[in-house]
Amino acid sequence: MRHQERRDKPPPLEGVELDRLVSLQQFIGPQRRAQVLQATGRRNRRHCRLTHTVMLGVVLAMGILTDLPRREVFRHAHRLRPGGRLSGRAGLCRARQRLGVAPVRQLCL
């Protein structure tokens, strides 16, 4: 069995990737994300850490950080938010599937 090292902080990003991630979060801010989620009928039916708003940010970050695994993208996308625990691969996958493709399409319109 392979031992995986647990890290509290994500590994550093290169300057260009970090700048793009910060620019993305500023360009498509919380208000725009909320509008898109409301327009596509995405509402969280239960209380969970991986809300549609969080996952929309992760999916958008996946478009910038294409060479990283999902968990690392999640870490980098949320490095500007203090606290929080790292979700597992299965949880991230289920949350991404719950979100669906409609909000991303709506952003592109």
Protein backbone atom coordinates (compact mmCIF):
# COMPACT_ATOMS: atom_id res chain seq x y z
CA MET A 1 0.00 0.00 0.00
CA ARG A 2 1.29 3.39 -0.93
CA HIS A 3 1.61 6.04 1.77
CA GLN A 4 0.37 9.46 0.70
CA GLU A 5 1.77 12.52 2.39
CA ARG A 6 -0.83 14.88 3.83
CA ARG A 7 -0.15 18.54 3.28
CA ASP A 8 -1.81 21.45 5.03
CA LYS A 9 -0.83 23.96 2.39
CA PRO A 10 -0.96 23.46 -1.37
CA PRO A 11 2.32 23.50 -3.26
CA PRO A 12 3.18 26.91 -4.69
CA LEU A 13 1.78 27.86 -8.07
CA GLU A 14 3.83 29.57 -10.70
CA GLY A 15 3.21 33.31 -10.98
CA VAL A 16 1.20 33.16 -14.20
CA GLU A 17 -1.16 30.43 -12.95
CA LEU A 18 -1.73 32.20 -9.64
CA ASP A 19 -2.40 35.51 -11.41
CA ARG A 20 -4.91 33.80 -13.69
CA LEU A 21 -6.66 32.15 -10.76
CA VAL A 22 -6.93 35.43 -8.85
CA SER A 23 -8.13 37.23 -11.99
CA LEU A 24 -10.76 34.56 -12.57
CA GLN A 25 -12.10 34.93 -9.04
CA GLN A 26 -12.26 38.70 -9.47
CA PHE A 27 -13.78 38.62 -12.98
CA ILE A 28 -16.44 36.04 -12.13
CA GLY A 29 -17.16 37.08 -8.57
CA PRO A 30 -19.64 35.73 -6.04
CA GLN A 31 -22.54 37.85 -7.34
CA ARG A 32 -22.16 36.60 -10.92
CA ARG A 33 -21.87 33.01 -9.74
CA ALA A 34 -25.02 33.40 -7.64
CA GLN A 35 -26.88 34.84 -10.65
CA VAL A 36 -25.83 31.95 -12.87
CA LEU A 37 -26.79 29.36 -10.28
CA GLN A 38 -30.18 30.98 -9.76
CA ALA A 39 -30.78 31.25 -13.52
CA THR A 40 -30.03 27.55 -13.98
CA GLY A 41 -32.15 26.49 -11.00
CA ARG A 42 -29.26 25.17 -8.93
CA ARG A 43 -30.16 25.22 -5.26
CA ASN A 44 -28.53 23.21 -2.53
CA ARG A 45 -31.15 20.89 -1.09
CA ARG A 46 -29.06 20.02 1.92
CA HIS A 47 -26.31 21.57 3.96
CA CYS A 48 -22.90 20.54 2.68
CA ARG A 49 -19.44 22.02 2.36
CA LEU A 50 -19.30 21.47 -1.39
CA THR A 51 -22.10 23.80 -2.39
CA HIS A 52 -22.86 24.64 -6.00
CA THR A 53 -21.11 27.99 -5.54
CA VAL A 54 -17.94 26.31 -4.30
CA MET A 55 -17.99 23.71 -7.07
CA LEU A 56 -18.58 26.29 -9.79
CA GLY A 57 -15.40 28.01 -8.62
CA VAL A 58 -13.53 24.69 -8.66
CA VAL A 59 -14.78 23.78 -12.14
CA LEU A 60 -13.70 27.17 -13.47
CA ALA A 61 -10.30 26.76 -11.80
CA MET A 62 -9.98 23.33 -13.43
CA GLY A 63 -9.95 25.15 -16.77
CA ILE A 64 -6.87 27.11 -15.70
CA LEU A 65 -5.00 24.50 -13.67
CA THR A 66 -5.35 21.70 -16.21
CA ASP A 67 -2.23 19.80 -15.20
CA LEU A 68 -3.28 19.33 -11.55
CA PRO A 69 -5.55 16.69 -10.00
CA ARG A 70 -8.98 17.83 -8.79
CA ARG A 71 -8.02 17.86 -5.12
CA GLU A 72 -5.06 20.13 -5.81
CA VAL A 73 -7.26 22.43 -7.90
CA PHE A 74 -9.70 22.54 -4.97
CA ARG A 75 -6.84 23.47 -2.62
CA HIS A 76 -5.62 26.24 -4.89
CA ALA A 77 -9.11 27.56 -5.64
CA HIS A 78 -9.75 27.89 -1.91
CA ARG A 79 -6.37 29.12 -0.74
CA LEU A 80 -7.79 32.63 -0.55
CA ARG A 81 -10.49 31.42 1.86
CA PRO A 82 -9.21 30.73 5.38
CA GLY A 83 -10.03 27.45 7.11
CA GLY A 84 -11.92 24.51 5.73
CA ARG A 85 -11.06 20.88 5.21
CA LEU A 86 -9.95 19.17 2.05
CA SER A 87 -12.66 16.99 0.55
CA GLY A 88 -12.00 13.55 -0.84
CA ARG A 89 -11.92 12.65 -4.53
CA ALA A 90 -15.30 10.92 -4.39
CA GLY A 91 -16.96 13.88 -2.70
CA LEU A 92 -15.54 16.30 -5.26
CA CYS A 93 -16.68 14.05 -8.09
CA ARG A 94 -20.25 13.75 -6.73
CA ALA A 95 -20.45 17.51 -6.10
CA ARG A 96 -19.26 18.22 -9.64
CA GLN A 97 -21.86 15.85 -11.05
CA ARG A 98 -24.60 17.51 -8.94
CA LEU A 99 -23.58 20.89 -10.35
CA GLY A 100 -23.87 19.71 -13.95
CA VAL A 101 -22.88 21.59 -17.07
CA ALA A 102 -25.70 24.17 -17.22
CA PRO A 103 -24.06 26.82 -14.98
CA VAL A 104 -20.83 26.75 -17.01
CA ARG A 105 -22.82 27.09 -20.24
CA GLN A 106 -24.77 29.99 -18.73
CA LEU A 107 -21.51 31.79 -17.90
CA CYS A 108 -20.43 31.52 -21.53
CA LEU A 109 -23.59 33.20 -22.85
